[in-house]
Amino acid sequence: MKNLKSFFLIAFTLVMANAAFAQSRIGGRVVEIIDGKTVVIEMQNRSRIVAELQYIEVPEAGQPLNQIAKEHLHALVFDRKVEFRARGLRQTVTVGQLLLKGVDISQQMIRDGAAWYAVLDKSGQEAAESEIYQSNEAQAKSEKRGVWSTENLKPSWEIRAEAEENRRRTEKIAQETAARMTVQATSKSSKPKARPQMSNESLMWTSTPETSGKMPENISNVGGLMVGYNAQSKIGIVATPLLKLEIPDKENFQAIGIGIGYFYHDDERKGRESIYVVGIESDSKDFRFLKSNELVVTADNQKIIIGKATRVARRNDSFVKELLIYRVKRSDITKIANAGSINIKVGTYSTKLNLDIQTMLKNLLKAAE
């Protein structure tokens, strides 16, 4: 009975503390906009709080309108006196209602189409307030404002869920592949083993000095990525498949293939050594990249010069195949994956990078962490 009373006392204390916290209010000035739903508020005593707007989600970094949502929140509240009503904590961020002259900024962001009503985060919200949020979102949707103006724009919680699922799949398959290869490497069978057949996407990574000998023989598809690890040589890869990219070529559009790979080698003394590689494959009637093959990427008006390629070419009776391999920094891949607009130039050919490729790059970076 004594333990039971203690339990109820602790539970009651926690409930009352949470209720008191939820009713706390602070006043201050917004001094920084971190993203489309997070601000920094400075109070009169110069102390600061990182505040997240309640019940909204904005496009993730790399999604269309991510920067626009941030700019819209900036226009609404930056350097303005606000009131903040805290309702909970999320790690180092305080979540709550941000008010400007009595206006709920979460509602305003939803009404303007700069944010979604966060359906996964509205537990505990009062019914009357929830109806107002839903009404604002319905109006923004009917008027095709902001996030509702871009066709097939996924809510950010779906993007995060997909990325997490891809990460889990990648991790699981990599572990299973490593375990399977360990068994094969330690097998005492004296029978010669046939070399497993690689997919066409894998073959491009074996054709140049940059990647020769770095490609595991067993490759699995994990969430759209190629994953492999050789437990004996301790060499692994996480790579995108060969992705189609159209480039203008004398009034026509010709397709080339582009892939990005992460190669690593686990060394007991040196630790993990790794490289990121961009590969481009071209089939055409004549050489496209013999004279010029420098790779330059423009991400949100920032020029990233990757440099010249290691080039391998083959000609037969009907066409020429060229393979271009570039070493690239992870930081540059991160910029490309998160940029709002991407233009890629290979030699004298230019084209835009589509959202699907950027999503694949994000998955690759996550898997290679």
Protein backbone atom coordinates (compact mmCIF):
# COMPACT_ATOMS: atom_id res chain seq x y z
CA MET A 1 0.00 0.00 0.00
CA LYS A 2 2.87 2.36 0.82
CA ASN A 3 4.43 1.78 -2.60
CA LEU A 4 1.08 2.35 -4.26
CA LYS A 5 0.68 5.70 -2.46
CA SER A 6 4.18 6.69 -3.53
CA PHE A 7 3.35 5.84 -7.13
CA PHE A 8 0.22 8.02 -7.10
CA LEU A 9 2.15 10.88 -5.47
CA ILE A 10 4.82 10.79 -8.18
CA ALA A 11 2.22 10.54 -10.95
CA PHE A 12 0.23 13.46 -9.49
CA THR A 13 3.38 15.59 -9.20
CA LEU A 14 4.32 14.93 -12.82
CA VAL A 15 0.83 15.75 -14.07
CA MET A 16 0.72 19.01 -12.13
CA ALA A 17 4.23 19.99 -13.29
CA ASN A 18 3.28 19.32 -16.89
CA ALA A 19 0.08 21.32 -16.55
CA ALA A 20 1.98 24.26 -15.06
CA PHE A 21 4.53 24.09 -17.87
CA ALA A 22 1.80 23.96 -20.51
CA GLN A 23 0.27 27.15 -19.10
CA SER A 24 3.56 29.07 -18.95
CA ARG A 25 3.84 32.13 -21.15
CA ILE A 26 6.79 34.23 -22.12
CA GLY A 27 7.16 37.45 -24.00
CA GLY A 28 10.09 38.46 -26.14
CA ARG A 29 11.43 39.33 -29.56
CA VAL A 30 12.14 36.89 -32.39
CA VAL A 31 15.86 37.22 -33.14
CA GLU A 32 16.44 34.23 -35.42
CA ILE A 33 14.50 32.00 -37.82
CA ILE A 34 15.99 28.49 -37.78
CA ASP A 35 13.57 26.93 -40.27
CA GLY A 36 9.95 27.24 -41.38
CA LYS A 37 8.58 26.22 -37.99
CA THR A 38 11.35 27.06 -35.48
CA VAL A 39 12.44 30.43 -34.10
CA VAL A 40 14.69 31.83 -31.39
CA ILE A 41 13.01 34.19 -28.92
CA GLU A 42 15.06 36.59 -26.80
CA MET A 43 13.42 37.69 -23.55
CA GLN A 44 13.96 40.94 -21.64
CA ASN A 45 16.63 39.36 -19.42
CA ARG A 46 18.60 38.46 -22.60
CA SER A 47 18.01 34.74 -22.12
CA ARG A 48 16.89 32.87 -25.23
CA ILE A 49 14.54 29.99 -26.01
CA VAL A 50 14.33 27.85 -29.13
CA ALA A 51 10.61 27.64 -29.92
CA GLU A 52 8.86 25.31 -32.35
CA LEU A 53 5.41 26.27 -33.64
CA GLN A 54 2.74 23.82 -32.54
CA TYR A 55 0.85 21.42 -34.81
CA ILE A 56 2.52 22.30 -38.12
CA GLU A 57 5.00 20.73 -40.50
CA VAL A 58 6.89 22.43 -43.33
CA PRO A 59 8.72 20.93 -46.35
CA GLU A 60 11.96 19.16 -45.47
CA ALA A 61 15.35 20.50 -46.60
CA GLY A 62 15.67 19.56 -50.26
CA GLN A 63 11.91 19.59 -50.87
CA PRO A 64 10.29 22.32 -52.97
CA LEU A 65 9.16 25.35 -50.90
CA ASN A 66 11.44 24.57 -47.93
CA GLN A 67 13.23 27.91 -48.21
CA ILE A 68 10.01 29.73 -49.07
CA ALA A 69 8.37 28.50 -45.85
CA LYS A 70 11.34 29.79 -43.85
CA GLU A 71 11.22 33.15 -45.64
CA HIS A 72 7.48 33.41 -45.03
CA LEU A 73 7.89 32.82 -41.29
CA HIS A 74 10.71 35.39 -41.34
CA ALA A 75 8.40 37.95 -42.94
CA LEU A 76 5.71 37.28 -40.34
CA VAL A 77 7.63 37.40 -37.06
CA PHE A 78 11.32 38.32 -37.38
CA ASP A 79 12.31 41.19 -35.06
CA ARG A 80 8.72 41.38 -33.78
CA LYS A 81 7.50 41.21 -30.20
CA VAL A 82 5.67 37.94 -29.64
CA GLU A 83 4.07 35.86 -26.93
CA PHE A 84 4.88 32.16 -26.63
CA ARG A 85 2.74 29.65 -24.74
CA ALA A 86 4.73 26.50 -24.13
CA ARG A 87 2.96 23.13 -24.20
CA GLY A 88 5.82 20.60 -24.25
CA LEU A 89 9.46 19.79 -24.88
CA ARG A 90 11.12 17.98 -27.76
CA GLN A 91 14.82 17.38 -27.00
CA THR A 92 16.31 20.92 -26.87
CA VAL A 93 13.28 22.61 -28.43
CA THR A 94 10.21 23.97 -26.65
CA VAL A 95 6.96 23.37 -28.55
CA GLY A 96 4.01 25.70 -28.22
CA GLN A 97 1.76 28.44 -29.55
CA LEU A 98 3.45 31.52 -31.00
CA LEU A 99 1.26 34.62 -30.93
CA LEU A 100 1.79 37.97 -32.66
CA LYS A 101 -0.73 40.58 -31.52
CA GLY A 102 -3.08 37.73 -30.60
CA VAL A 103 -2.73 35.92 -33.96
CA ASP A 104 -1.73 32.25 -33.80
CA ILE A 105 1.22 32.04 -36.24
CA SER A 106 0.73 28.28 -36.71
CA GLN A 107 -2.77 28.97 -38.00
CA GLN A 108 -1.44 31.76 -40.21
CA MET A 109 1.25 29.52 -41.72
CA ILE A 110 -1.38 26.86 -42.47
CA ARG A 111 -3.81 29.42 -43.94
CA ASP A 112 -1.08 30.86 -46.20
CA GLY A 113 -0.15 27.39 -47.48
CA ALA A 114 3.34 27.65 -45.95
CA ALA A 115 2.75 24.62 -43.72
CA TRP A 116 0.68 21.49 -43.30
CA TYR A 117 -1.50 20.78 -40.30
CA ALA A 118 0.60 18.09 -38.59
CA VAL A 119 -1.86 15.21 -38.35
CA LEU A 120 0.69 13.07 -36.49
CA ASP A 121 1.28 15.69 -33.81
CA LYS A 122 -2.16 16.95 -32.77
CA SER A 123 -2.85 14.62 -29.85
CA GLY A 124 -3.99 16.66 -26.87
CA GLN A 125 -5.16 19.59 -28.98
CA GLU A 126 -8.53 20.99 -28.00
CA ALA A 127 -11.35 20.13 -30.41
CA ALA A 128 -12.32 23.76 -31.05
CA GLU A 129 -8.76 24.74 -31.93
CA SER A 130 -8.34 21.65 -34.11
CA GLU A 131 -11.44 22.63 -36.10
CA ILE A 132 -9.95 26.07 -36.77
CA TYR A 133 -6.67 24.51 -37.96
CA GLN A 134 -8.56 22.11 -40.22
CA SER A 135 -10.69 24.93 -41.63
CA ASN A 136 -7.58 27.03 -42.43
CA GLU A 137 -5.94 24.09 -44.16
CA ALA A 138 -9.08 23.31 -46.18
CA GLN A 139 -9.20 26.91 -47.44
CA ALA A 140 -5.51 26.93 -48.36
CA LYS A 141 -5.96 23.61 -50.17
CA SER A 142 -9.02 24.77 -52.12
CA GLU A 143 -7.12 27.90 -53.20
CA LYS A 144 -4.00 25.84 -54.06
CA ARG A 145 -1.75 27.98 -51.91
CA GLY A 146 1.89 27.11 -51.18
CA VAL A 147 2.34 23.41 -50.39
CA TRP A 148 -0.99 22.73 -52.13
CA SER A 149 0.21 24.36 -55.37
CA THR A 150 2.95 21.79 -56.02
CA GLU A 151 1.63 18.55 -57.48
CA ASN A 152 2.50 15.35 -55.57
CA LEU A 153 4.41 17.23 -52.84
CA LYS A 154 4.62 14.75 -49.98
CA PRO A 155 4.16 15.96 -46.39
CA SER A 156 7.44 16.08 -44.52
CA TRP A 157 6.44 13.32 -42.08
CA GLU A 158 6.05 10.94 -45.05
CA ILE A 159 9.50 11.92 -46.35
CA ARG A 160 11.04 11.24 -42.92
CA ALA A 161 9.21 7.93 -42.60
CA GLU A 162 10.43 6.80 -46.03
CA ALA A 163 14.01 7.83 -45.24
CA GLU A 164 13.89 5.94 -41.94
CA GLU A 165 12.47 2.84 -43.64
CA ASN A 166 15.19 2.99 -46.30
CA ARG A 167 17.81 3.33 -43.57
CA ARG A 168 16.48 0.29 -41.75
CA ARG A 169 16.32 -1.77 -44.92
CA THR A 170 19.83 -0.74 -45.91
CA GLU A 171 21.16 -1.64 -42.48
CA LYS A 172 19.35 -4.97 -42.42
CA ILE A 173 20.44 -6.06 -45.90
CA ALA A 174 24.01 -4.91 -45.27
CA GLN A 175 24.14 -7.01 -42.10
CA GLU A 176 22.60 -10.01 -43.83
CA THR A 177 24.98 -9.64 -46.79
CA ALA A 178 28.01 -9.35 -44.51
CA ALA A 179 26.92 -12.42 -42.56
CA ARG A 180 26.36 -14.41 -45.74
CA MET A 181 29.75 -13.42 -47.14
CA THR A 182 31.43 -14.34 -43.86
CA VAL A 183 29.97 -17.84 -44.11
CA GLN A 184 31.13 -18.13 -47.71
CA ALA A 185 34.64 -16.89 -46.91
CA THR A 186 35.09 -19.37 -44.05
CA SER A 187 33.61 -22.34 -45.89
CA LYS A 188 35.98 -25.31 -46.24
CA SER A 189 34.48 -26.45 -49.49
CA SER A 190 37.16 -27.13 -52.11
CA LYS A 191 34.78 -26.75 -55.03
CA PRO A 192 35.43 -23.69 -57.18
CA LYS A 193 32.68 -21.10 -56.85
CA ALA A 194 31.15 -19.41 -59.83
CA ARG A 195 31.32 -15.63 -59.80
CA PRO A 196 27.86 -14.17 -59.15
CA GLN A 197 26.45 -12.17 -62.04
CA MET A 198 26.23 -8.42 -61.45
CA SER A 199 23.41 -6.25 -62.67
CA ASN A 200 24.07 -3.83 -65.52
CA GLU A 201 24.06 -0.98 -63.01
CA SER A 202 26.93 -2.63 -61.13
CA LEU A 203 29.15 -3.18 -64.14
CA MET A 204 29.99 0.50 -64.63
CA TRP A 205 31.74 0.60 -61.25
CA THR A 206 34.24 -2.12 -62.22
CA SER A 207 35.57 -0.54 -65.40
CA THR A 208 37.96 2.17 -64.23
CA PRO A 209 41.08 2.44 -62.05
CA GLU A 210 39.08 4.44 -59.48
CA THR A 211 36.74 1.55 -58.72
CA SER A 212 38.54 -1.56 -59.97
CA GLY A 213 38.82 -4.13 -57.19
CA LYS A 214 36.52 -2.16 -54.91
CA MET A 215 33.26 -3.79 -55.98
CA PRO A 216 31.91 -6.65 -53.83
CA GLU A 217 30.64 -9.57 -55.87
CA ASN A 218 27.29 -9.96 -54.11
CA ILE A 219 25.04 -6.94 -54.59
CA SER A 220 21.58 -6.52 -53.08
CA ASN A 221 18.90 -3.94 -53.79
CA VAL A 222 17.89 -2.10 -50.63
CA GLY A 223 15.26 0.61 -50.95
CA GLY A 224 16.44 1.36 -54.48
CA LEU A 225 20.13 1.41 -53.52
CA MET A 226 22.78 -1.19 -54.37
CA VAL A 227 24.42 -2.50 -51.20
CA GLY A 228 27.27 -4.97 -50.93
CA TYR A 229 30.04 -5.99 -48.56
CA ASN A 230 32.89 -8.48 -48.86
CA ALA A 231 33.78 -9.70 -45.38
CA GLN A 232 37.05 -11.21 -46.58
CA SER A 233 38.46 -8.12 -48.27
CA LYS A 234 36.44 -5.80 -45.96
CA ILE A 235 35.36 -3.75 -48.94
CA GLY A 236 31.80 -2.44 -49.22
CA ILE A 237 29.63 -0.26 -51.41
CA VAL A 238 26.41 1.70 -51.21
CA ALA A 239 25.44 3.12 -54.61
CA THR A 240 22.53 4.40 -56.61
CA PRO A 241 21.49 2.44 -59.68
CA LEU A 242 22.23 3.92 -63.08
CA LEU A 243 19.75 6.80 -63.28
CA LYS A 244 18.53 8.20 -66.59
CA LEU A 245 19.37 11.81 -67.35
CA GLU A 246 18.31 13.57 -70.57
CA ILE A 247 20.61 16.14 -72.17
CA PRO A 248 19.89 18.35 -75.18
CA ASP A 249 21.93 17.38 -78.22
CA LYS A 250 21.33 19.31 -81.45
CA GLU A 251 17.55 19.76 -81.07
CA ASN A 252 17.13 16.23 -79.69
CA PHE A 253 17.32 14.88 -76.18
CA GLN A 254 19.83 12.09 -75.63
CA ALA A 255 19.93 9.97 -72.51
CA ILE A 256 22.97 9.31 -70.38
CA GLY A 257 23.20 7.27 -67.21
CA ILE A 258 24.44 8.73 -63.93
CA GLY A 259 25.18 6.96 -60.66
CA ILE A 260 26.72 7.94 -57.34
CA GLY A 261 28.60 5.42 -55.22
CA TYR A 262 30.14 5.27 -51.75
CA PHE A 263 33.06 2.83 -51.48
CA TYR A 264 34.72 1.95 -48.18
CA HIS A 265 37.46 -0.29 -46.84
CA ASP A 266 37.67 -1.26 -43.18
CA ASP A 267 41.32 -1.37 -42.07
CA GLU A 268 42.15 -2.61 -38.57
CA ARG A 269 44.98 -0.10 -38.16
CA LYS A 270 43.80 2.90 -40.17
CA GLY A 271 40.08 2.52 -39.56
CA ARG A 272 37.60 3.11 -42.37
CA GLU A 273 38.86 4.61 -45.63
CA SER A 274 36.19 5.76 -48.03
CA ILE A 275 35.53 7.65 -51.25
CA TYR A 276 32.48 9.01 -53.03
CA VAL A 277 32.36 8.56 -56.77
CA VAL A 278 30.12 9.93 -59.53
CA GLY A 279 29.86 7.74 -62.63
CA ILE A 280 28.42 8.78 -65.99
CA GLU A 281 27.76 6.31 -68.82
CA SER A 282 27.05 7.35 -72.39
CA ASP A 283 26.12 5.39 -75.51
CA SER A 284 26.19 7.36 -78.75
CA LYS A 285 27.22 7.21 -82.39
CA ASP A 286 30.42 9.14 -81.75
CA PHE A 287 32.58 10.27 -78.84
CA ARG A 288 30.81 12.88 -76.72
CA PHE A 289 33.34 13.46 -73.97
CA LEU A 290 36.73 12.91 -75.61
CA LYS A 291 37.73 16.57 -75.80
CA SER A 292 35.82 17.92 -72.83
CA ASN A 293 34.42 16.07 -69.83
CA GLU A 294 34.75 18.44 -66.87
CA LEU A 295 31.82 18.07 -64.45
CA VAL A 296 30.35 21.27 -63.01
CA VAL A 297 27.23 21.37 -60.84
CA THR A 298 25.35 24.57 -60.03
CA ALA A 299 23.32 24.21 -56.82
CA ASP A 300 21.10 27.22 -56.02
CA ASN A 301 23.44 29.47 -58.02
CA GLN A 302 26.52 28.09 -56.21
CA LYS A 303 28.99 26.57 -58.68
CA ILE A 304 30.60 23.27 -57.61
CA ILE A 305 33.51 22.26 -59.84
CA ILE A 306 33.99 18.48 -59.59
CA GLY A 307 36.73 18.43 -62.22
CA LYS A 308 37.85 16.19 -65.06
CA ALA A 309 36.99 12.51 -65.32
CA THR A 310 38.88 9.28 -65.41
CA ARG A 311 37.58 8.15 -68.79
CA VAL A 312 37.20 4.71 -70.36
CA ALA A 313 35.79 4.28 -73.87
CA ARG A 314 34.95 1.41 -76.21
CA ARG A 315 33.83 1.51 -79.84
CA ASN A 316 32.11 -1.18 -81.85
CA ASP A 317 30.47 -1.15 -85.29
CA SER A 318 27.32 0.73 -84.27
CA PHE A 319 28.06 2.89 -81.20
CA VAL A 320 30.58 4.29 -78.75
CA LYS A 321 30.35 3.63 -75.01
CA GLU A 322 32.05 6.08 -72.65
CA LEU A 323 32.43 5.81 -68.89
CA LEU A 324 33.37 8.89 -66.85
CA ILE A 325 34.36 8.52 -63.20
CA TYR A 326 34.77 11.48 -60.82
CA ARG A 327 35.92 11.63 -57.21
CA VAL A 328 33.57 13.88 -55.23
CA LYS A 329 33.38 15.19 -51.66
CA ARG A 330 30.53 14.19 -49.35
CA SER A 331 29.98 17.88 -48.57
CA ASP A 332 29.37 18.56 -52.27
CA ILE A 333 26.89 15.68 -52.54
CA THR A 334 25.08 17.08 -49.49
CA LYS A 335 24.79 20.50 -51.15
CA ILE A 336 23.45 18.94 -54.32
CA ALA A 337 20.95 16.74 -52.46
CA ASN A 338 19.52 19.66 -50.47
CA ALA A 339 19.49 22.38 -53.11
CA GLY A 340 16.27 23.81 -54.49
CA SER A 341 17.47 23.83 -58.11
CA ILE A 342 20.30 21.89 -59.73
CA ASN A 343 21.97 22.29 -63.11
CA ILE A 344 24.62 19.80 -64.20
CA LYS A 345 27.14 20.37 -66.98
CA VAL A 346 29.32 17.56 -68.40
CA GLY A 347 31.77 18.86 -70.96
CA THR A 348 29.65 20.97 -73.30
CA TYR A 349 26.32 19.38 -72.33
CA SER A 350 23.97 20.84 -69.72
CA THR A 351 20.74 19.68 -68.13
CA LYS A 352 18.77 19.88 -64.89
CA LEU A 353 18.86 17.31 -62.11
CA ASN A 354 15.41 16.06 -61.13
CA LEU A 355 13.91 15.59 -57.67
CA ASP A 356 14.00 11.78 -57.89
CA ILE A 357 17.79 11.82 -58.19
CA GLN A 358 18.07 14.24 -55.27
CA THR A 359 15.91 11.93 -53.13
CA MET A 360 18.16 9.01 -54.07
CA LEU A 361 21.21 11.07 -53.05
CA LYS A 362 19.67 11.77 -49.63
CA ASN A 363 19.05 8.05 -49.14
CA LEU A 364 22.66 7.33 -50.13
CA LEU A 365 24.04 9.89 -47.67
CA LYS A 366 21.88 8.47 -44.89
CA ALA A 367 22.95 4.91 -45.63
CA ALA A 368 26.64 5.91 -45.79
CA GLU A 369 26.68 7.59 -42.36
